[in-house]
Amino acid sequence: MSFSKKIAKFSKIALASVILVSLSSCTFKITEEQMTQLQELRKQERSLQDGISNKKAELNKIKDETNLRKSELKDCENERDLIKQRLSKWPDIWPDYTPNK
């Protein structure tokens, strides 16, 4: 490898190092407007999180009520089936009963 190629390679590495150091040392400060906007966005986030929590609680209440209604429906269907069964045996619903004629 020739001397000029070594120098070119070294200068590229040095230039890359200088660019890297200069870019990493630059820091941007947040402006007041950006800070205000960030605070507003955080407030909105908290508000949305509260809304999500409320809706989840509402959903759980609705699910509980639905399960209660389903159990009531099952009880009613069982009672209806029992009544249908007894009606199918009518008038001999009470086998030990003999009406007076």
N, C-alpha and C. Protein backbone atom coordinates (compact mmCIF):
# COMPACT_ATOMS: atom_id res chain seq x y z
N MET A 1 0.85 -1.16 0.00
CA MET A 1 0.00 0.00 0.00
C MET A 1 0.90 1.24 0.00
N SER A 2 0.57 2.17 -0.84
CA SER A 2 1.43 3.36 -0.97
C SER A 2 1.17 4.34 0.17
N PHE A 3 2.10 5.23 0.32
CA PHE A 3 2.04 6.22 1.38
C PHE A 3 0.84 7.13 1.22
N SER A 4 0.48 7.53 0.02
CA SER A 4 -0.65 8.43 -0.21
C SER A 4 -1.98 7.76 0.14
N LYS A 5 -2.06 6.44 -0.09
CA LYS A 5 -3.29 5.72 0.27
C LYS A 5 -3.44 5.65 1.79
N LYS A 6 -2.30 5.47 2.48
CA LYS A 6 -2.34 5.43 3.95
C LYS A 6 -2.78 6.78 4.51
N ILE A 7 -2.28 7.84 3.94
CA ILE A 7 -2.64 9.18 4.40
C ILE A 7 -4.12 9.45 4.11
N ALA A 8 -4.60 9.03 2.95
CA ALA A 8 -6.01 9.23 2.60
C ALA A 8 -6.91 8.47 3.58
N LYS A 9 -6.52 7.24 3.89
CA LYS A 9 -7.30 6.42 4.82
C LYS A 9 -7.30 7.06 6.21
N PHE A 10 -6.13 7.52 6.67
CA PHE A 10 -6.03 8.16 7.98
C PHE A 10 -6.84 9.45 8.03
N SER A 11 -6.82 10.22 6.94
CA SER A 11 -7.57 11.47 6.93
C SER A 11 -9.09 11.21 6.94
N LYS A 12 -9.52 10.16 6.28
CA LYS A 12 -10.96 9.81 6.33
C LYS A 12 -11.37 9.44 7.74
N ILE A 13 -10.54 8.66 8.40
CA ILE A 13 -10.85 8.25 9.79
C ILE A 13 -10.86 9.48 10.69
N ALA A 14 -9.90 10.36 10.53
CA ALA A 14 -9.83 11.57 11.35
C ALA A 14 -11.03 12.46 11.09
N LEU A 15 -11.39 12.61 9.82
CA LEU A 15 -12.55 13.44 9.48
C LEU A 15 -13.83 12.85 10.07
N ALA A 16 -13.99 11.55 9.99
CA ALA A 16 -15.17 10.89 10.57
C ALA A 16 -15.22 11.10 12.07
N SER A 17 -14.05 11.02 12.73
CA SER A 17 -13.99 11.23 14.18
C SER A 17 -14.39 12.66 14.54
N VAL A 18 -13.89 13.61 13.80
CA VAL A 18 -14.21 15.02 14.06
C VAL A 18 -15.70 15.27 13.87
N ILE A 19 -16.27 14.73 12.81
CA ILE A 19 -17.70 14.90 12.55
C ILE A 19 -18.52 14.26 13.67
N LEU A 20 -18.13 13.07 14.09
CA LEU A 20 -18.85 12.38 15.15
C LEU A 20 -18.81 13.16 16.46
N VAL A 21 -17.66 13.68 16.81
CA VAL A 21 -17.53 14.46 18.04
C VAL A 21 -18.33 15.75 17.96
N SER A 22 -18.28 16.42 16.80
CA SER A 22 -19.00 17.69 16.69
C SER A 22 -20.51 17.47 16.72
N LEU A 23 -20.98 16.39 16.12
CA LEU A 23 -22.42 16.14 16.14
C LEU A 23 -22.91 15.70 17.51
N SER A 24 -22.09 14.94 18.22
CA SER A 24 -22.53 14.47 19.53
C SER A 24 -22.48 15.58 20.58
N SER A 25 -21.68 16.61 20.36
CA SER A 25 -21.59 17.69 21.34
C SER A 25 -22.71 18.71 21.18
N CYS A 26 -23.42 18.68 20.05
CA CYS A 26 -24.52 19.63 19.83
C CYS A 26 -25.76 19.14 20.57
N THR A 27 -26.26 19.97 21.42
CA THR A 27 -27.50 19.62 22.12
C THR A 27 -28.52 20.71 21.84
N PHE A 28 -29.73 20.26 21.60
CA PHE A 28 -30.81 21.20 21.34
C PHE A 28 -31.64 21.35 22.60
N LYS A 29 -31.96 22.57 22.92
CA LYS A 29 -32.78 22.82 24.10
C LYS A 29 -34.24 22.91 23.68
N ILE A 30 -35.08 22.46 24.60
CA ILE A 30 -36.52 22.51 24.35
C ILE A 30 -36.99 23.93 24.57
N THR A 31 -37.84 24.41 23.70
CA THR A 31 -38.36 25.77 23.84
C THR A 31 -39.55 25.75 24.80
N GLU A 32 -39.94 26.91 25.26
CA GLU A 32 -41.09 27.02 26.16
C GLU A 32 -42.36 26.52 25.48
N GLU A 33 -42.49 26.83 24.21
CA GLU A 33 -43.66 26.40 23.45
C GLU A 33 -43.73 24.87 23.37
N GLN A 34 -42.57 24.27 23.13
CA GLN A 34 -42.53 22.81 23.07
C GLN A 34 -42.82 22.20 24.43
N MET A 35 -42.32 22.82 25.49
CA MET A 35 -42.57 22.33 26.84
C MET A 35 -44.05 22.41 27.17
N THR A 36 -44.69 23.51 26.80
CA THR A 36 -46.13 23.67 27.03
C THR A 36 -46.91 22.63 26.25
N GLN A 37 -46.52 22.42 25.02
CA GLN A 37 -47.19 21.42 24.19
C GLN A 37 -47.01 20.02 24.78
N LEU A 38 -45.83 19.72 25.29
CA LEU A 38 -45.56 18.43 25.91
C LEU A 38 -46.42 18.24 27.15
N GLN A 39 -46.56 19.28 27.95
CA GLN A 39 -47.39 19.19 29.15
C GLN A 39 -48.86 18.96 28.78
N GLU A 40 -49.33 19.64 27.74
CA GLU A 40 -50.71 19.45 27.29
C GLU A 40 -50.93 18.03 26.80
N LEU A 41 -49.95 17.51 26.08
CA LEU A 41 -50.06 16.13 25.59
C LEU A 41 -50.08 15.12 26.74
N ARG A 42 -49.30 15.41 27.77
CA ARG A 42 -49.30 14.52 28.95
C ARG A 42 -50.64 14.58 29.67
N LYS A 43 -51.24 15.77 29.76
CA LYS A 43 -52.57 15.90 30.36
C LYS A 43 -53.60 15.11 29.56
N GLN A 44 -53.52 15.22 28.24
CA GLN A 44 -54.43 14.46 27.39
C GLN A 44 -54.24 12.96 27.57
N GLU A 45 -53.00 12.55 27.70
CA GLU A 45 -52.72 11.13 27.91
C GLU A 45 -53.34 10.64 29.21
N ARG A 46 -53.18 11.40 30.28
CA ARG A 46 -53.77 11.01 31.57
C ARG A 46 -55.28 10.96 31.47
N SER A 47 -55.86 11.94 30.78
CA SER A 47 -57.30 11.98 30.61
C SER A 47 -57.79 10.75 29.84
N LEU A 48 -57.07 10.41 28.79
CA LEU A 48 -57.45 9.23 27.99
C LEU A 48 -57.28 7.94 28.79
N GLN A 49 -56.23 7.87 29.59
CA GLN A 49 -56.02 6.68 30.42
C GLN A 49 -57.15 6.54 31.44
N ASP A 50 -57.58 7.67 32.03
CA ASP A 50 -58.70 7.64 32.97
C ASP A 50 -59.97 7.19 32.26
N GLY A 51 -60.18 7.69 31.04
CA GLY A 51 -61.35 7.29 30.26
C GLY A 51 -61.34 5.80 29.96
N ILE A 52 -60.18 5.27 29.64
CA ILE A 52 -60.05 3.83 29.37
C ILE A 52 -60.38 3.04 30.62
N SER A 53 -59.86 3.48 31.75
CA SER A 53 -60.13 2.78 33.02
C SER A 53 -61.63 2.79 33.33
N ASN A 54 -62.27 3.94 33.12
CA ASN A 54 -63.70 4.03 33.39
C ASN A 54 -64.50 3.10 32.47
N LYS A 55 -64.12 3.06 31.21
CA LYS A 55 -64.83 2.20 30.26
C LYS A 55 -64.63 0.73 30.58
N LYS A 56 -63.44 0.37 31.05
CA LYS A 56 -63.19 -1.01 31.44
C LYS A 56 -64.05 -1.39 32.65
N ALA A 57 -64.17 -0.49 33.60
CA ALA A 57 -65.01 -0.75 34.76
C ALA A 57 -66.47 -0.89 34.34
N GLU A 58 -66.91 -0.02 33.42
CA GLU A 58 -68.27 -0.11 32.89
C GLU A 58 -68.49 -1.43 32.19
N LEU A 59 -67.52 -1.86 31.41
CA LEU A 59 -67.62 -3.13 30.69
C LEU A 59 -67.74 -4.29 31.66
N ASN A 60 -66.98 -4.26 32.75
CA ASN A 60 -67.08 -5.33 33.74
C ASN A 60 -68.46 -5.36 34.40
N LYS A 61 -69.01 -4.17 34.68
CA LYS A 61 -70.36 -4.12 35.26
C LYS A 61 -71.38 -4.70 34.29
N ILE A 62 -71.25 -4.36 33.03
CA ILE A 62 -72.19 -4.86 32.01
C ILE A 62 -72.05 -6.37 31.87
N LYS A 63 -70.82 -6.87 31.90
CA LYS A 63 -70.62 -8.32 31.82
C LYS A 63 -71.25 -9.03 33.01
N ASP A 64 -71.09 -8.46 34.22
CA ASP A 64 -71.71 -9.05 35.41
C ASP A 64 -73.23 -9.08 35.29
N GLU A 65 -73.79 -7.97 34.81
CA GLU A 65 -75.24 -7.90 34.65
C GLU A 65 -75.72 -8.89 33.59
N THR A 66 -74.96 -9.04 32.52
CA THR A 66 -75.31 -10.00 31.47
C THR A 66 -75.30 -11.42 32.03
N ASN A 67 -74.27 -11.74 32.82
CA ASN A 67 -74.21 -13.08 33.41
C ASN A 67 -75.38 -13.32 34.36
N LEU A 68 -75.78 -12.28 35.11
CA LEU A 68 -76.93 -12.40 36.00
C LEU A 68 -78.19 -12.67 35.20
N ARG A 69 -78.37 -11.92 34.11
CA ARG A 69 -79.56 -12.12 33.26
C ARG A 69 -79.56 -13.50 32.62
N LYS A 70 -78.38 -13.99 32.24
CA LYS A 70 -78.31 -15.34 31.66
C LYS A 70 -78.70 -16.40 32.67
N SER A 71 -78.28 -16.22 33.92
CA SER A 71 -78.65 -17.19 34.95
C SER A 71 -80.15 -17.13 35.23
N GLU A 72 -80.73 -15.92 35.21
CA GLU A 72 -82.18 -15.80 35.38
C GLU A 72 -82.91 -16.46 34.22
N LEU A 73 -82.41 -16.29 33.01
CA LEU A 73 -83.01 -16.92 31.84
C LEU A 73 -82.96 -18.44 31.96
N LYS A 74 -81.85 -18.96 32.42
CA LYS A 74 -81.71 -20.41 32.58
C LYS A 74 -82.72 -20.93 33.62
N ASP A 75 -82.88 -20.19 34.72
CA ASP A 75 -83.86 -20.59 35.74
C ASP A 75 -85.27 -20.58 35.15
N CYS A 76 -85.59 -19.56 34.37
CA CYS A 76 -86.92 -19.48 33.76
C CYS A 76 -87.14 -20.62 32.77
N GLU A 77 -86.11 -20.95 32.01
CA GLU A 77 -86.26 -22.06 31.05
C GLU A 77 -86.44 -23.38 31.78
N ASN A 78 -85.74 -23.58 32.87
CA ASN A 78 -85.92 -24.80 33.67
C ASN A 78 -87.34 -24.89 34.22
N GLU A 79 -87.84 -23.76 34.72
CA GLU A 79 -89.20 -23.73 35.26
C GLU A 79 -90.22 -23.98 34.16
N ARG A 80 -90.01 -23.41 32.98
CA ARG A 80 -90.91 -23.62 31.84
C ARG A 80 -90.91 -25.09 31.42
N ASP A 81 -89.73 -25.71 31.39
CA ASP A 81 -89.65 -27.13 31.04
C ASP A 81 -90.39 -27.99 32.06
N LEU A 82 -90.27 -27.65 33.32
CA LEU A 82 -90.98 -28.40 34.36
C LEU A 82 -92.49 -28.25 34.19
N ILE A 83 -92.95 -27.05 33.90
CA ILE A 83 -94.38 -26.82 33.70
C ILE A 83 -94.88 -27.57 32.47
N LYS A 84 -94.09 -27.57 31.39
CA LYS A 84 -94.48 -28.32 30.19
C LYS A 84 -94.57 -29.81 30.48
N GLN A 85 -93.63 -30.29 31.26
CA GLN A 85 -93.64 -31.71 31.63
C GLN A 85 -94.89 -32.05 32.44
N ARG A 86 -95.23 -31.22 33.37
CA ARG A 86 -96.43 -31.48 34.20
C ARG A 86 -97.70 -31.33 33.38
N LEU A 87 -97.73 -30.36 32.46
CA LEU A 87 -98.91 -30.18 31.61
C LEU A 87 -99.12 -31.37 30.68
N SER A 88 -98.04 -31.99 30.27
CA SER A 88 -98.20 -33.16 29.40
C SER A 88 -98.85 -34.32 30.14
N LYS A 89 -98.77 -34.35 31.45
CA LYS A 89 -99.39 -35.42 32.26
C LYS A 89 -100.79 -35.04 32.76
N TRP A 90 -101.26 -33.91 32.38
CA TRP A 90 -102.56 -33.44 32.85
C TRP A 90 -103.65 -34.38 32.42
N PRO A 91 -104.58 -34.70 33.13
CA PRO A 91 -105.04 -34.41 34.49
C PRO A 91 -104.47 -35.36 35.53
N ASP A 92 -103.61 -36.26 35.15
CA ASP A 92 -103.04 -37.21 36.11
C ASP A 92 -101.75 -36.68 36.72
N ILE A 93 -101.74 -35.43 37.01
CA ILE A 93 -100.54 -34.82 37.55
C ILE A 93 -100.26 -35.30 38.97
N TRP A 94 -101.36 -35.60 39.72
CA TRP A 94 -101.21 -36.16 41.06
C TRP A 94 -101.75 -37.58 41.01
N PRO A 95 -100.90 -38.55 40.90
CA PRO A 95 -101.38 -39.92 40.72
C PRO A 95 -102.19 -40.45 41.90
N ASP A 96 -101.95 -39.97 43.10
CA ASP A 96 -102.69 -40.49 44.26
C ASP A 96 -104.02 -39.77 44.49
N TYR A 97 -104.35 -38.82 43.67
CA TYR A 97 -105.58 -38.06 43.82
C TYR A 97 -106.66 -38.65 42.92
N THR A 98 -107.80 -38.92 43.54
CA THR A 98 -108.95 -39.40 42.79
C THR A 98 -110.11 -38.44 43.03
N PRO A 99 -110.57 -37.81 41.99
CA PRO A 99 -111.65 -36.83 42.20
C PRO A 99 -112.96 -37.52 42.57
N ASN A 100 -113.76 -36.83 43.31
CA ASN A 100 -115.08 -37.34 43.68
C ASN A 100 -116.03 -37.10 42.54
N LYS A 101 -116.65 -38.17 42.08
CA LYS A 101 -117.56 -38.05 40.97
C LYS A 101 -118.98 -38.15 41.41
